């Protein structure tokens, strides 16, 4: 899969969520990509977004937010999502699976950072340029 296909998928997902939740959350997605054919493993970031919407916007009583960005500059891929939540019932298998997929495809070339405090989750994934991608 190319980064362009990943961006297209994420943009479509955001558009659907905006229609569903426009009155419950401020939803923002931006991407800045300098190499549209850059290879990535398929659907790499979707479970982070699903968590942001499920634990954040869908459960929030008052207006919350989900802000997300995806950048690829000079071979360095950065994904960032930040959202409010009112009730985070725990982590499912999605995060475990993401960690495993990152480790298999980008061993030694990635970082995953999760900050969770005061009802705000801030997640970042950085992948350094790799010559070969395992499409696990």
C-alpha atoms as a PDB file:
ATOM      1  CA  UNK A   1       0.000   0.000   0.000  1.00  0.00           C
ATOM      2  CA  UNK A   2       1.235   3.536  -0.664  1.00  0.00           C
ATOM      3  CA  UNK A   3       0.973   6.458   1.718  1.00  0.00           C
ATOM      4  CA  UNK A   4      -1.437   8.079  -0.765  1.00  0.00           C
ATOM      5  CA  UNK A   5      -3.823   5.127  -0.422  1.00  0.00           C
ATOM      6  CA  UNK A   6      -3.524   5.346   3.375  1.00  0.00           C
ATOM      7  CA  UNK A   7      -4.284   9.088   3.305  1.00  0.00           C
ATOM      8  CA  UNK A   8      -7.303   8.515   1.041  1.00  0.00           C
ATOM      9  CA  UNK A   9      -8.636   5.874   3.427  1.00  0.00           C
ATOM     10  CA  UNK A  10      -8.141   8.099   6.479  1.00  0.00           C
ATOM     11  CA  UNK A  11      -9.771  11.084   4.763  1.00  0.00           C
ATOM     12  CA  UNK A  12     -12.818   8.971   3.878  1.00  0.00           C
ATOM     13  CA  UNK A  13     -13.022   7.701   7.463  1.00  0.00           C
ATOM     14  CA  UNK A  14     -12.897  11.254   8.813  1.00  0.00           C
ATOM     15  CA  UNK A  15     -15.620  12.423   6.416  1.00  0.00           C
ATOM     16  CA  UNK A  16     -17.956   9.648   7.577  1.00  0.00           C
ATOM     17  CA  UNK A  17     -17.253  10.467  11.230  1.00  0.00           C
ATOM     18  CA  UNK A  18     -17.846  14.182  10.637  1.00  0.00           C
ATOM     19  CA  UNK A  19     -21.289  13.382   9.255  1.00  0.00           C
ATOM     20  CA  UNK A  20     -22.083  11.114  12.212  1.00  0.00           C
ATOM     21  CA  UNK A  21     -20.682  13.281  15.004  1.00  0.00           C
ATOM     22  CA  UNK A  22     -20.624  16.876  13.809  1.00  0.00           C
ATOM     23  CA  UNK A  23     -22.652  18.070  16.781  1.00  0.00           C
ATOM     24  CA  UNK A  24     -20.569  16.158  19.354  1.00  0.00           C
ATOM     25  CA  UNK A  25     -16.967  16.908  18.402  1.00  0.00           C
ATOM     26  CA  UNK A  26     -14.589  19.183  16.569  1.00  0.00           C
ATOM     27  CA  UNK A  27     -12.917  16.851  14.070  1.00  0.00           C
ATOM     28  CA  UNK A  28      -9.784  17.905  12.210  1.00  0.00           C
ATOM     29  CA  UNK A  29      -7.419  15.949   9.935  1.00  0.00           C
ATOM     30  CA  UNK A  30      -4.513  17.265   7.927  1.00  0.00           C
ATOM     31  CA  UNK A  31      -1.842  15.594   5.861  1.00  0.00           C
ATOM     32  CA  UNK A  32       1.385  16.797   4.313  1.00  0.00           C
ATOM     33  CA  UNK A  33       3.081  14.220   2.114  1.00  0.00           C
ATOM     34  CA  UNK A  34       6.177  14.806  -0.024  1.00  0.00           C
ATOM     35  CA  UNK A  35       6.374  11.301  -1.569  1.00  0.00           C
ATOM     36  CA  UNK A  36       2.953   9.888  -2.516  1.00  0.00           C
ATOM     37  CA  UNK A  37       4.327   6.472  -3.530  1.00  0.00           C
ATOM     38  CA  UNK A  38       6.041   5.859  -0.156  1.00  0.00           C
ATOM     39  CA  UNK A  39       5.199   2.267   0.903  1.00  0.00           C
ATOM     40  CA  UNK A  40       3.409   1.574   4.212  1.00  0.00           C
ATOM     41  CA  UNK A  41       1.749  -1.484   5.654  1.00  0.00           C
ATOM     42  CA  UNK A  42      -2.020  -1.412   5.034  1.00  0.00           C
ATOM     43  CA  UNK A  43      -4.377   0.293   7.497  1.00  0.00           C
ATOM     44  CA  UNK A  44      -1.574   1.101   9.893  1.00  0.00           C
ATOM     45  CA  UNK A  45      -3.262   3.951  11.758  1.00  0.00           C
ATOM     46  CA  UNK A  46      -6.955   3.061  11.640  1.00  0.00           C
ATOM     47  CA  UNK A  47      -7.255   1.428  15.052  1.00  0.00           C
ATOM     48  CA  UNK A  48      -5.783   4.526  16.705  1.00  0.00           C
ATOM     49  CA  UNK A  49      -8.492   6.570  15.009  1.00  0.00           C
ATOM     50  CA  UNK A  50     -11.199   4.089  15.908  1.00  0.00           C
ATOM     51  CA  UNK A  51     -10.107   4.342  19.551  1.00  0.00           C
ATOM     52  CA  UNK A  52     -10.154   8.152  19.396  1.00  0.00           C
ATOM     53  CA  UNK A  53     -13.702   8.151  18.068  1.00  0.00           C
ATOM     54  CA  UNK A  54     -15.035   5.312  20.225  1.00  0.00           C
ATOM     55  CA  UNK A  55     -13.449   6.412  23.514  1.00  0.00           C
ATOM     56  CA  UNK A  56     -13.609  10.116  22.712  1.00  0.00           C
ATOM     57  CA  UNK A  57     -16.194  11.679  20.457  1.00  0.00           C
ATOM     58  CA  UNK A  58     -18.840   8.968  20.714  1.00  0.00           C
ATOM     59  CA  UNK A  59     -18.755   8.934  24.525  1.00  0.00           C
ATOM     60  CA  UNK A  60     -18.390  12.659  25.145  1.00  0.00           C
ATOM     61  CA  UNK A  61     -21.421  14.425  26.528  1.00  0.00           C
ATOM     62  CA  UNK A  62     -20.202  17.964  25.879  1.00  0.00           C
ATOM     63  CA  UNK A  63     -18.390  18.998  22.722  1.00  0.00           C
ATOM     64  CA  UNK A  64     -14.928  17.432  22.519  1.00  0.00           C
ATOM     65  CA  UNK A  65     -12.289  17.233  19.841  1.00  0.00           C
ATOM     66  CA  UNK A  66     -10.187  14.893  17.735  1.00  0.00           C
ATOM     67  CA  UNK A  67      -7.171  16.385  15.997  1.00  0.00           C
ATOM     68  CA  UNK A  68      -5.058  14.246  13.703  1.00  0.00           C
ATOM     69  CA  UNK A  69      -2.154  14.798  11.362  1.00  0.00           C
ATOM     70  CA  UNK A  70      -0.109  12.621   9.036  1.00  0.00           C
ATOM     71  CA  UNK A  71       3.160  13.915   7.639  1.00  0.00           C
ATOM     72  CA  UNK A  72       5.826  12.426   5.437  1.00  0.00           C
ATOM     73  CA  UNK A  73       8.843  14.663   5.011  1.00  0.00           C
ATOM     74  CA  UNK A  74      12.213  13.454   3.720  1.00  0.00           C
ATOM     75  CA  UNK A  75      11.395   9.817   4.463  1.00  0.00           C
ATOM     76  CA  UNK A  76      10.197  10.378   8.033  1.00  0.00           C
ATOM     77  CA  UNK A  77       6.558   9.429   8.583  1.00  0.00           C
ATOM     78  CA  UNK A  78       4.743  10.979  11.544  1.00  0.00           C
ATOM     79  CA  UNK A  79       1.185  10.249  12.642  1.00  0.00           C
ATOM     80  CA  UNK A  80      -0.357  12.134  15.528  1.00  0.00           C
ATOM     81  CA  UNK A  81      -3.820  11.952  17.070  1.00  0.00           C
ATOM     82  CA  UNK A  82      -5.049  13.809  20.136  1.00  0.00           C
ATOM     83  CA  UNK A  83      -8.507  13.613  21.644  1.00  0.00           C
ATOM     84  CA  UNK A  84     -10.556  14.196  24.757  1.00  0.00           C
ATOM     85  CA  UNK A  85     -12.467  11.436  26.455  1.00  0.00           C
ATOM     86  CA  UNK A  86     -14.813  11.135  29.382  1.00  0.00           C
ATOM     87  CA  UNK A  87     -14.627   7.428  30.049  1.00  0.00           C
ATOM     88  CA  UNK A  88     -11.741   5.305  28.844  1.00  0.00           C
ATOM     89  CA  UNK A  89     -12.813   1.777  29.716  1.00  0.00           C
ATOM     90  CA  UNK A  90      -9.469   0.182  28.972  1.00  0.00           C
ATOM     91  CA  UNK A  91      -7.337  -0.874  26.078  1.00  0.00           C
ATOM     92  CA  UNK A  92      -8.376  -3.634  23.727  1.00  0.00           C
ATOM     93  CA  UNK A  93      -6.310  -5.776  21.435  1.00  0.00           C
ATOM     94  CA  UNK A  94      -5.983  -3.012  18.840  1.00  0.00           C
ATOM     95  CA  UNK A  95      -3.051  -1.347  20.578  1.00  0.00           C
ATOM     96  CA  UNK A  96      -1.318  -4.685  21.160  1.00  0.00           C
ATOM     97  CA  UNK A  97      -1.762  -5.547  17.480  1.00  0.00           C
ATOM     98  CA  UNK A  98      -0.439  -2.149  16.401  1.00  0.00           C
ATOM     99  CA  UNK A  99       2.690  -2.544  18.516  1.00  0.00           C
ATOM    100  CA  UNK A 100       3.277  -5.979  16.995  1.00  0.00           C
ATOM    101  CA  UNK A 101       2.719  -4.767  13.420  1.00  0.00           C
ATOM    102  CA  UNK A 102       5.088  -1.835  13.940  1.00  0.00           C
ATOM    103  CA  UNK A 103       7.721  -4.137  15.416  1.00  0.00           C
ATOM    104  CA  UNK A 104       7.453  -6.641  12.569  1.00  0.00           C
ATOM    105  CA  UNK A 105       7.402  -4.127   9.716  1.00  0.00           C
ATOM    106  CA  UNK A 106       9.617  -1.360  11.109  1.00  0.00           C
ATOM    107  CA  UNK A 107      11.833  -3.044  13.684  1.00  0.00           C
ATOM    108  CA  UNK A 108      14.264  -0.525  15.137  1.00  0.00           C
ATOM    109  CA  UNK A 109      12.920   2.255  12.911  1.00  0.00           C
ATOM    110  CA  UNK A 110       9.797   3.393  14.754  1.00  0.00           C
ATOM    111  CA  UNK A 111       8.563   4.964  17.971  1.00  0.00           C
ATOM    112  CA  UNK A 112       5.109   4.857  19.526  1.00  0.00           C
ATOM    113  CA  UNK A 113       4.325   7.354  22.268  1.00  0.00           C
ATOM    114  CA  UNK A 114       1.089   7.418  24.249  1.00  0.00           C
ATOM    115  CA  UNK A 115       0.331  10.141  26.785  1.00  0.00           C
ATOM    116  CA  UNK A 116      -2.884   9.923  28.773  1.00  0.00           C
ATOM    117  CA  UNK A 117      -3.625  12.573  31.365  1.00  0.00           C
ATOM    118  CA  UNK A 118      -6.532  14.725  32.501  1.00  0.00           C
ATOM    119  CA  UNK A 119      -8.977  13.212  30.023  1.00  0.00           C
ATOM    120  CA  UNK A 120      -6.751  13.772  26.989  1.00  0.00           C
ATOM    121  CA  UNK A 121      -5.003  11.045  25.002  1.00  0.00           C
ATOM    122  CA  UNK A 122      -2.107  12.075  22.794  1.00  0.00           C
ATOM    123  CA  UNK A 123      -0.633   9.370  20.524  1.00  0.00           C
ATOM    124  CA  UNK A 124       2.309   9.718  18.145  1.00  0.00           C
ATOM    125  CA  UNK A 125       3.862   7.210  15.775  1.00  0.00           C
ATOM    126  CA  UNK A 126       7.108   8.019  13.993  1.00  0.00           C
ATOM    127  CA  UNK A 127       8.638   5.792  11.348  1.00  0.00           C
ATOM    128  CA  UNK A 128      12.071   6.526   9.960  1.00  0.00           C
ATOM    129  CA  UNK A 129      12.760   5.828   6.312  1.00  0.00           C
ATOM    130  CA  UNK A 130      13.364   2.167   5.669  1.00  0.00           C
ATOM    131  CA  UNK A 131      14.606   0.556   2.482  1.00  0.00           C
ATOM    132  CA  UNK A 132      12.279  -2.386   2.747  1.00  0.00           C
ATOM    133  CA  UNK A 133       8.801  -2.701   4.243  1.00  0.00           C
ATOM    134  CA  UNK A 134       7.366  -5.996   5.372  1.00  0.00           C
ATOM    135  CA  UNK A 135       3.663  -5.860   4.502  1.00  0.00           C
ATOM    136  CA  UNK A 136       2.462  -7.851   7.528  1.00  0.00           C
END
